Protein backbone atom coordinates (compact mmCIF):
# COMPACT_ATOMS: atom_id res chain seq x y z
CA MET A 1 16.94 -23.40 2.64
CA PRO A 2 17.40 -20.08 4.44
CA ARG A 3 19.98 -19.86 7.20
CA ARG A 4 17.39 -18.32 9.48
CA ARG A 5 13.72 -17.65 9.30
CA ALA A 6 11.85 -14.46 10.05
CA ARG A 7 9.60 -14.54 13.08
CA GLY A 8 6.04 -15.57 12.34
CA THR A 9 4.75 -17.73 9.54
CA TRP A 10 5.34 -17.95 5.81
CA GLN A 11 1.69 -17.89 4.82
CA ASP A 12 0.84 -18.61 1.22
CA ALA A 13 -1.49 -16.23 -0.60
CA SER A 14 -3.97 -19.07 -1.11
CA ALA A 15 -4.62 -19.01 2.64
CA ALA A 16 -6.03 -15.48 2.47
CA THR A 17 -9.44 -15.20 4.07
CA ILE A 18 -11.73 -13.56 1.55
CA ALA A 19 -14.89 -15.59 2.19
CA SER A 20 -16.06 -12.95 4.68
CA MET A 21 -16.14 -10.13 2.13
CA ASP A 22 -18.89 -7.73 3.13
CA LEU A 23 -20.29 -7.46 -0.40
CA GLU A 24 -21.01 -11.17 -0.41
CA LEU A 25 -22.66 -10.92 3.00
CA LEU A 26 -24.61 -7.88 1.80
CA GLU A 27 -25.94 -9.79 -1.21
CA GLN A 28 -26.97 -12.68 1.02
CA THR A 29 -28.74 -10.35 3.45
CA LEU A 30 -30.59 -8.53 0.67
CA ALA A 31 -31.62 -11.80 -0.95
CA ARG A 32 -33.02 -12.99 2.38
CA HIS A 33 -35.23 -9.89 2.38
CA GLY A 34 -36.38 -10.55 -1.19
CA GLN A 35 -34.55 -7.57 -2.66
CA PRO A 36 -33.52 -7.34 -6.33
CA ARG A 37 -29.84 -7.83 -7.23
CA PHE A 38 -29.29 -4.14 -8.02
CA ARG A 39 -29.76 -3.26 -4.34
CA ALA A 40 -26.23 -4.46 -3.53
CA ARG A 41 -24.77 -2.13 -6.16
CA GLN A 42 -26.94 0.65 -4.83
CA VAL A 43 -25.68 0.20 -1.26
CA TRP A 44 -22.06 -0.13 -2.37
CA GLY A 45 -22.39 3.02 -4.50
CA TRP A 46 -23.42 5.00 -1.43
CA ALA A 47 -20.54 3.61 0.61
CA ALA A 48 -18.05 4.42 -2.15
CA ARG A 49 -19.31 8.01 -2.25
CA GLY A 50 -18.66 8.46 1.47
CA ALA A 51 -21.90 7.50 3.22
CA ALA A 52 -21.28 6.97 6.93
CA SER A 53 -24.34 4.84 7.69
CA TYR A 54 -27.24 3.03 6.07
CA GLU A 55 -29.52 5.84 7.26
CA GLN A 56 -27.89 8.21 4.76
CA MET A 57 -28.86 5.96 1.82
CA THR A 58 -32.07 7.85 1.19
CA ASP A 59 -33.13 6.02 -1.96
CA LEU A 60 -33.44 2.75 -0.02
CA PRO A 61 -36.78 1.97 1.67
CA ALA A 62 -36.73 3.04 5.31
CA TRP A 63 -37.56 -0.47 6.53
CA LEU A 64 -34.62 -1.88 4.56
CA ARG A 65 -32.22 0.68 6.01
CA GLU A 66 -33.33 -0.33 9.49
CA ALA A 67 -32.98 -4.02 8.67
CA LEU A 68 -29.46 -3.58 7.30
CA ALA A 69 -28.41 -1.51 10.30
CA SER A 70 -29.57 -4.24 12.70
CA GLU A 71 -28.27 -7.23 10.74
CA LEU A 72 -25.15 -6.15 8.86
CA PRO A 73 -22.20 -4.21 10.34
CA PHE A 74 -21.48 -1.13 8.27
CA SER A 75 -17.72 -1.67 8.49
CA SER A 76 -15.44 -4.61 9.21
CA LEU A 77 -13.18 -2.27 11.23
CA GLN A 78 -13.59 -0.26 14.42
CA LEU A 79 -11.85 3.12 14.53
CA GLN A 80 -9.88 3.43 17.76
CA ARG A 81 -7.88 6.61 17.29
CA GLU A 82 -6.87 9.23 14.74
CA SER A 83 -3.81 11.46 14.74
CA ARG A 84 -3.23 14.41 12.46
CA ALA A 85 0.10 16.06 11.58
CA CYS A 86 0.61 19.72 10.74
CA ASP A 87 1.17 18.81 7.08
CA GLY A 88 -2.39 17.44 6.86
CA THR A 89 -1.39 13.78 7.10
CA ILE A 90 -3.86 11.64 9.06
CA LYS A 91 -3.11 8.28 10.67
CA ALA A 92 -5.96 6.03 11.77
CA ARG A 93 -5.65 3.09 14.11
CA PHE A 94 -8.31 0.40 13.66
CA ALA A 95 -9.18 -2.89 15.28
CA THR A 96 -10.64 -5.83 13.40
CA ARG A 97 -13.77 -7.52 14.71
CA ASP A 98 -11.57 -10.10 16.45
CA GLY A 99 -9.44 -7.42 18.08
CA HIS A 100 -6.31 -7.24 15.91
CA PRO A 101 -4.75 -3.79 15.37
CA LEU A 102 -3.77 -2.09 12.13
CA GLU A 103 -2.92 1.41 10.95
CA THR A 104 -3.61 3.36 7.78
CA VAL A 105 -2.33 6.74 6.60
CA LEU A 106 -3.83 9.42 4.36
CA MET A 107 -1.32 11.80 2.76
CA ARG A 108 -2.46 15.07 1.23
CA TYR A 109 -0.43 17.01 -1.32
CA ARG A 110 -0.68 20.55 -2.63
CA ASP A 111 -1.34 19.33 -6.17
CA ARG A 112 -4.62 17.84 -4.82
CA ARG A 113 -3.35 14.26 -4.74
CA ARG A 114 -4.80 12.19 -1.92
CA SER A 115 -2.71 9.06 -1.41
CA ILE A 116 -3.72 6.35 1.04
CA CYS A 117 -1.20 3.91 2.51
CA VAL A 118 -3.08 0.74 3.44
CA SER A 119 -2.17 -2.32 5.49
CA SER A 120 -2.56 -5.87 4.19
CA GLN A 121 -1.79 -7.69 7.46
CA SER A 122 -2.05 -7.00 11.18
CA GLY A 123 1.63 -6.95 12.02
CA CYS A 124 4.24 -8.53 9.76
CA PRO A 125 6.17 -11.82 10.00
CA LEU A 126 9.24 -10.68 8.06
CA ASP A 127 11.29 -8.84 10.72
CA CYS A 128 12.98 -6.08 8.71
CA THR A 129 15.27 -4.56 11.34
CA PHE A 130 14.58 -0.90 10.53
CA CYS A 131 10.78 -1.21 10.48
CA ALA A 132 8.53 -0.76 13.52
CA THR A 133 5.89 -3.12 12.13
CA GLY A 134 8.43 -5.94 12.16
CA ARG A 135 8.64 -5.65 15.95
CA MET A 136 4.90 -6.19 16.32
CA ARG A 137 3.40 -9.58 16.94
CA PHE A 138 2.10 -10.89 13.63
CA ALA A 139 -1.62 -11.63 13.94
CA ARG A 140 -3.13 -12.55 10.59
CA ASN A 141 -3.89 -11.55 7.02
CA LEU A 142 -6.58 -8.95 6.51
CA SER A 143 -9.64 -9.75 4.43
CA ALA A 144 -10.43 -7.83 1.26
CA SER A 145 -13.20 -5.99 3.10
CA GLU A 146 -10.82 -4.98 5.88
CA ILE A 147 -8.48 -3.54 3.26
CA VAL A 148 -11.24 -1.71 1.39
CA ASP A 149 -12.75 -0.41 4.63
CA GLN A 150 -9.48 1.43 5.32
CA ALA A 151 -10.00 3.35 2.08
CA LEU A 152 -13.72 3.84 2.74
CA HIS A 153 -12.92 5.42 6.10
CA PHE A 154 -10.77 8.07 4.47
CA THR A 155 -13.34 8.64 1.76
CA ARG A 156 -15.69 9.59 4.59
CA VAL A 157 -12.95 11.67 6.23
CA GLU A 158 -12.49 13.75 3.09
CA GLU A 159 -16.24 14.31 2.90
CA HIS A 160 -16.26 15.71 6.44
CA PRO A 161 -16.14 19.56 6.41
CA ARG A 162 -13.86 19.69 9.47
CA TYR A 163 -11.26 17.58 7.70
CA ARG A 164 -11.58 19.63 4.52
CA SER A 165 -10.89 22.79 6.54
CA ALA A 166 -7.91 21.04 8.13
CA ALA A 167 -6.50 20.44 4.67
CA ARG A 168 -6.59 24.22 4.16
CA GLY A 169 -4.51 24.80 7.29
CA ASP A 170 -6.85 24.53 10.30
CA HIS A 171 -5.23 21.78 12.35
CA GLY A 172 -7.21 22.06 15.56
CA ALA A 173 -9.00 19.23 17.31
CA HIS A 174 -11.68 17.36 15.48
CA GLY A 175 -14.59 15.17 16.42
CA GLY A 176 -18.16 14.28 15.65
CA HIS A 177 -19.46 12.12 12.84
CA PRO A 178 -18.95 12.41 9.09
CA ALA A 179 -21.44 14.63 7.34
CA THR A 180 -23.82 13.36 4.71
CA PRO A 181 -21.89 12.85 1.45
CA ARG A 182 -22.22 15.45 -1.25
CA ALA A 183 -23.84 13.03 -3.64
CA SER A 184 -27.47 12.17 -3.09
CA GLY A 185 -29.58 9.63 -4.89
CA GLN A 186 -28.53 7.95 -8.10
CA GLY A 187 -28.37 11.01 -10.36
CA GLU A 188 -25.53 12.93 -8.74
CA ARG A 189 -21.90 11.79 -8.67
CA ALA A 190 -19.68 12.85 -5.77
CA ALA A 191 -16.22 14.28 -6.14
CA ARG A 192 -13.82 11.43 -5.38
CA PRO A 193 -11.05 12.61 -3.11
CA LEU A 194 -8.75 9.59 -3.05
CA THR A 195 -6.43 9.46 -6.06
CA HIS A 196 -3.66 6.96 -5.23
CA CYS A 197 -3.24 3.83 -3.12
CA VAL A 198 0.00 2.23 -1.97
CA PHE A 199 0.17 -1.14 -0.22
CA MET A 200 3.03 0.04 1.96
CA GLY A 201 1.38 -0.07 5.37
CA MET A 202 1.59 -3.00 7.76
CA GLY A 203 2.40 -6.41 6.36
CA GLU A 204 3.74 -8.06 3.21
CA PRO A 205 1.06 -7.81 0.49
CA MET A 206 2.41 -10.80 -1.47
CA LEU A 207 1.64 -13.05 1.51
CA ASN A 208 -2.02 -12.02 1.21
CA LEU A 209 -2.29 -11.53 -2.53
CA ASP A 210 -5.80 -12.95 -3.00
CA ALA A 211 -7.30 -10.37 -0.64
CA VAL A 212 -5.08 -7.58 -1.99
CA LEU A 213 -6.14 -8.21 -5.59
CA ALA A 214 -9.80 -8.50 -4.57
CA ALA A 215 -9.52 -5.11 -2.84
CA CYS A 216 -7.87 -3.61 -5.93
CA GLU A 217 -10.94 -4.57 -7.96
CA ARG A 218 -13.09 -2.35 -5.72
CA LEU A 219 -10.80 0.65 -5.26
CA PRO A 220 -11.68 2.22 -8.66
CA ASP A 221 -15.20 2.81 -7.32
CA LEU A 222 -13.56 5.11 -4.76
CA GLY A 223 -11.64 6.98 -7.47
CA VAL A 224 -8.34 5.07 -7.25
CA THR A 225 -7.56 3.50 -10.62
CA GLN A 226 -5.36 0.43 -10.82
CA ARG A 227 -2.74 2.41 -12.72
CA ARG A 228 -2.44 4.53 -9.57
CA THR A 229 -2.24 1.56 -7.23
CA THR A 230 1.18 0.28 -6.13
CA ILE A 231 1.88 -3.05 -4.43
CA SER A 232 5.12 -3.07 -2.47
CA THR A 233 7.03 -6.22 -1.56
CA VAL A 234 10.21 -7.21 0.25
CA GLY A 235 10.90 -9.42 -2.75
CA TRP A 236 8.53 -12.35 -2.28
CA ILE A 237 9.20 -13.95 -5.65
CA PRO A 238 6.10 -16.22 -5.91
CA GLY A 239 3.94 -13.13 -5.44
CA ILE A 240 5.89 -11.10 -8.01
CA GLU A 241 5.50 -13.91 -10.54
CA ARG A 242 1.79 -14.19 -9.85
CA LEU A 243 1.30 -10.44 -10.12
CA ALA A 244 3.03 -10.53 -13.51
CA GLU A 245 0.31 -12.94 -14.69
CA HIS A 246 -2.46 -10.68 -13.40
CA ASP A 247 -4.22 -8.80 -16.21
CA ARG A 248 -4.51 -5.48 -14.38
CA PRO A 249 -2.08 -2.55 -14.74
CA LEU A 250 -0.99 -2.47 -11.10
CA ARG A 251 2.40 -1.01 -10.20
CA LEU A 252 5.14 -2.96 -8.44
CA ALA A 253 7.59 -1.63 -5.85
CA ILE A 254 10.53 -3.65 -4.50
CA SER A 255 12.10 -2.96 -1.11
CA VAL A 256 15.85 -3.33 -1.71
CA HIS A 257 17.71 -1.23 0.91
CA ALA A 258 21.12 -2.76 0.11
CA ALA A 259 22.81 -4.00 -3.06
CA GLU A 260 25.08 -6.44 -1.19
CA GLU A 261 23.52 -9.81 -0.36
CA ALA A 262 25.12 -10.12 3.10
CA LEU A 263 24.12 -6.63 4.21
CA ARG A 264 20.61 -7.05 2.86
CA SER A 265 20.25 -10.30 4.83
CA GLN A 266 21.20 -8.40 7.98
CA LEU A 267 18.62 -5.71 7.30
CA MET A 268 15.96 -8.02 5.82
CA PRO A 269 16.07 -11.71 6.87
CA VAL A 270 13.83 -12.62 3.93
CA ASN A 271 16.89 -12.17 1.69
CA ASP A 272 18.11 -15.56 2.96
CA ARG A 273 15.06 -17.14 1.35
CA PHE A 274 14.87 -14.97 -1.77
CA PRO A 275 18.32 -13.53 -2.62
CA LEU A 276 18.39 -10.06 -4.10
CA ARG A 277 19.65 -11.05 -7.55
CA ASP A 278 16.80 -13.53 -7.90
CA VAL A 279 14.38 -10.80 -6.84
CA ILE A 280 15.76 -8.42 -9.47
CA ASP A 281 15.48 -11.17 -12.09
CA ALA A 282 11.82 -11.64 -11.13
CA ALA A 283 11.29 -7.88 -11.35
CA ARG A 284 12.79 -7.77 -14.85
CA ALA A 285 10.52 -10.62 -15.91
CA PHE A 286 7.58 -8.67 -14.46
CA HIS A 287 8.54 -5.69 -16.61
CA ALA A 288 8.87 -7.85 -19.72
CA ARG A 289 5.26 -8.95 -19.27
CA ARG A 290 3.61 -5.84 -17.91
CA ARG A 291 5.73 -3.04 -19.45
CA ARG A 292 5.45 -1.01 -16.28
CA ARG A 293 8.41 0.74 -14.67
CA ILE A 294 9.30 -0.78 -11.30
CA PHE A 295 9.92 1.29 -8.19
CA VAL A 296 12.92 0.40 -6.04
CA GLU A 297 12.62 1.52 -2.41
CA TYR A 298 15.82 2.27 -0.53
CA VAL A 299 15.88 3.53 3.08
CA LEU A 300 19.12 5.42 3.71
CA LEU A 301 20.86 4.54 6.99
CA ALA A 302 23.90 6.57 8.03
CA GLY A 303 27.10 4.56 7.80
CA VAL A 304 25.24 1.39 6.85
CA ASN A 305 24.04 1.61 3.24
CA ASP A 306 24.54 5.24 2.18
CA ARG A 307 28.11 5.31 0.85
CA TYR A 308 28.93 6.41 -2.68
CA GLU A 309 30.33 2.96 -3.54
CA GLN A 310 27.07 1.39 -2.41
CA ALA A 311 25.16 3.68 -4.76
CA LEU A 312 27.36 2.50 -7.62
CA ALA A 313 26.76 -1.13 -6.62
CA LEU A 314 23.02 -0.50 -6.71
CA ALA A 315 23.32 1.11 -10.14
CA ARG A 316 25.24 -1.92 -11.45
CA LEU A 317 22.59 -4.25 -10.06
CA LEU A 318 19.80 -2.33 -11.80
CA THR A 319 21.56 -2.02 -15.17
CA GLY A 320 22.16 -5.74 -15.66
CA PRO A 321 20.92 -7.95 -18.53
CA ALA A 322 17.76 -7.07 -20.42
CA ALA A 323 14.51 -8.54 -19.11
CA GLY A 324 14.02 -10.57 -22.30
CA ALA A 325 16.90 -12.82 -21.19
CA TYR A 326 14.77 -14.44 -18.51
CA PRO A 327 12.60 -17.48 -19.35
CA ALA A 328 9.53 -16.14 -17.52
CA ALA A 329 9.70 -13.01 -19.65
CA ARG A 330 9.27 -15.00 -22.87
CA ALA A 331 6.14 -16.86 -21.78
CA ARG A 332 3.77 -14.51 -23.59
CA PRO A 333 3.81 -11.16 -25.41
CA ALA A 334 3.98 -8.01 -23.34
CA GLY A 335 0.85 -6.13 -22.47
CA GLY A 336 -2.61 -7.24 -21.51
CA PRO A 337 -6.20 -6.06 -21.25
CA GLY A 338 -6.42 -2.37 -20.60
CA GLU A 339 -2.71 -1.71 -21.21
CA ARG A 340 -0.85 0.25 -23.85
CA SER A 341 0.56 -1.91 -26.61
CA ALA A 342 3.75 0.13 -26.91
CA ALA A 343 6.82 -1.30 -25.23
CA GLY A 344 8.12 0.31 -22.08
CA PRO A 345 11.59 1.73 -21.49
CA ARG A 346 14.42 -0.20 -23.15
CA PRO A 347 16.36 -1.96 -20.37
CA GLY A 348 19.92 -0.86 -19.87
CA ALA A 349 19.68 2.31 -21.95
CA ARG A 350 20.92 5.44 -20.20
CA GLY A 351 17.98 7.54 -19.03
CA SER A 352 15.47 4.78 -19.82
CA SER A 353 15.91 2.32 -16.96
CA ILE A 354 13.05 -0.02 -16.21
CA PHE A 355 13.70 0.84 -12.55
CA LYS A 356 13.12 4.08 -10.68
CA VAL A 357 14.75 4.38 -7.26
CA ASN A 358 12.85 6.05 -4.45
CA LEU A 359 15.33 7.13 -1.76
CA ILE A 360 13.68 7.23 1.66
CA PRO A 361 15.08 9.24 4.59
CA TYR A 362 15.09 7.03 7.67
CA ASN A 363 12.32 7.65 10.18
CA ALA A 364 13.16 6.73 13.77
CA THR A 365 11.14 3.75 14.96
CA ILE A 366 12.17 3.59 18.64
CA ALA A 367 13.30 6.07 21.28
CA ALA A 368 16.50 8.03 20.69
CA GLY A 369 19.48 6.29 22.24
CA ALA A 370 17.98 2.83 21.77
CA ASP A 371 17.67 2.99 17.98
CA PRO A 372 20.64 1.27 16.29
CA TYR A 373 20.14 3.36 13.15
CA ARG A 374 20.47 7.01 12.24
CA GLY A 375 19.20 8.75 9.18
CA SER A 376 21.66 9.84 6.50
CA THR A 377 22.55 13.51 6.15
CA ARG A 378 21.09 15.58 3.34
CA GLU A 379 24.54 15.71 1.76
CA SER A 380 24.85 11.91 1.78
CA ILE A 381 21.37 11.51 0.31
CA ALA A 382 22.14 14.03 -2.45
CA ALA A 383 25.43 12.29 -3.28
CA PHE A 384 23.72 8.88 -3.40
CA GLN A 385 21.03 10.26 -5.70
CA ALA A 386 23.59 11.92 -7.98
CA ALA A 387 25.59 8.68 -8.26
CA LEU A 388 22.51 6.79 -9.42
CA GLN A 389 21.46 9.47 -11.86
CA SER A 390 24.95 9.65 -13.36
CA ARG A 391 24.58 5.94 -14.22
CA GLY A 392 21.23 6.44 -15.93
CA ILE A 393 19.05 5.35 -13.00
CA PRO A 394 16.17 7.76 -12.22
CA ALA A 395 16.19 8.53 -8.50
CA THR A 396 13.98 10.72 -6.35
CA VAL A 397 13.96 11.48 -2.63
CA ARG A 398 10.66 10.72 -0.91
CA LEU A 399 8.99 13.65 0.79
CA THR A 400 8.63 12.69 4.45
CA ARG A 401 5.10 13.15 5.75
CA GLY A 402 3.54 12.36 9.11
CA ARG A 403 6.79 11.74 11.00
CA ALA A 404 5.55 13.68 14.06
CA ILE A 405 2.63 11.27 14.49
CA ASN A 406 4.63 8.11 13.67
CA ALA A 407 2.90 7.83 10.32
CA ALA A 408 5.97 7.99 8.07
CA CYS A 409 7.58 5.09 6.23
CA GLY A 410 8.59 2.31 8.63
CA GLN A 411 6.83 3.80 11.66
CA LEU A 412 3.47 1.98 11.67
CA ALA A 413 3.28 -0.19 14.77
CA ALA A 414 -0.26 0.24 16.21
CA GLU A 415 1.27 1.37 19.47
CA VAL A 416 -0.99 1.32 22.50
CA ALA A 417 -2.10 4.76 23.64
């Protein structure tokens, strides 16, 4: 039993509310109007291409568009506010139909990547001490539709000419409604702006895995393949084990933040329930089944977890026994539908670690003077990275985006305007 319990509730993934998925409601509504089954795919295709309303779905009968508009909400979320940073990052604050807040971030990169950081819960019950979301009141899991609607919103954003000009450097005020999507009818296919999705927004995805996996089934229609979708976890082992059984090539990221058990428990109370070494064992078993390199997330806090010796301790943790040593890893052969048959990196070999560390500069989450943490210096970050690399652990430093609008890692809190 853990010595202490994070605020909120340990909610099992089976409790996820996915019965209210809009596609199911859409099919029921269309059936009530005597429409053929293909109509649901037709409507969803328009939404996935960036349509902002039923009225824009011009190959539907006019009477049906009017009926859908009056009977079926177009989105499960209400947009409350958007903020845009000078680097092109956009943060959107939404409210669910029952009034719970959540935030989502779109990150644009010069190589034309468009990565969306989505939330899986409103708030988070796990109380990580360096994360603003952990200080929010936990409300509930999000439904699959509420997750997908975050991505659909930014599909519409990227279709809007004002936002496209902003991506080229015009960062003035914006407003109005999204323009009609570039695709029209069934014969033309729109350019799909979103390329990557990370479940690194509000909440712990493994506590809402049913809805998360259901959403992942629909994201490819928006242009985000499952190979470019990453599910991040604090180390919720039942979820990691279940994801290993899933036959889709989703990526896994583990929030570590300290290699010492006691320090990690101070930073992340969930470590009392799932100790770090057990989490790493589960991650190795995941790799043995899925043959996908695992991301390790590590926020660098000055004087807390950024010393050279702590980098070496992390390297030792990540270069332990081969994944094949764990019983769960031997349950079935590696690979699965849609995956490469070749084995992944050989565990423990220099330069071929099954882990890749993503070092994250700390982003302040409360006012200066009240924040107990400070970010590490560039020199400390570089030394930490070099120590890992010298031990054969690939390590990169995350490019900070959206810090000025509280959209960077750890800053999502749905603050009240």
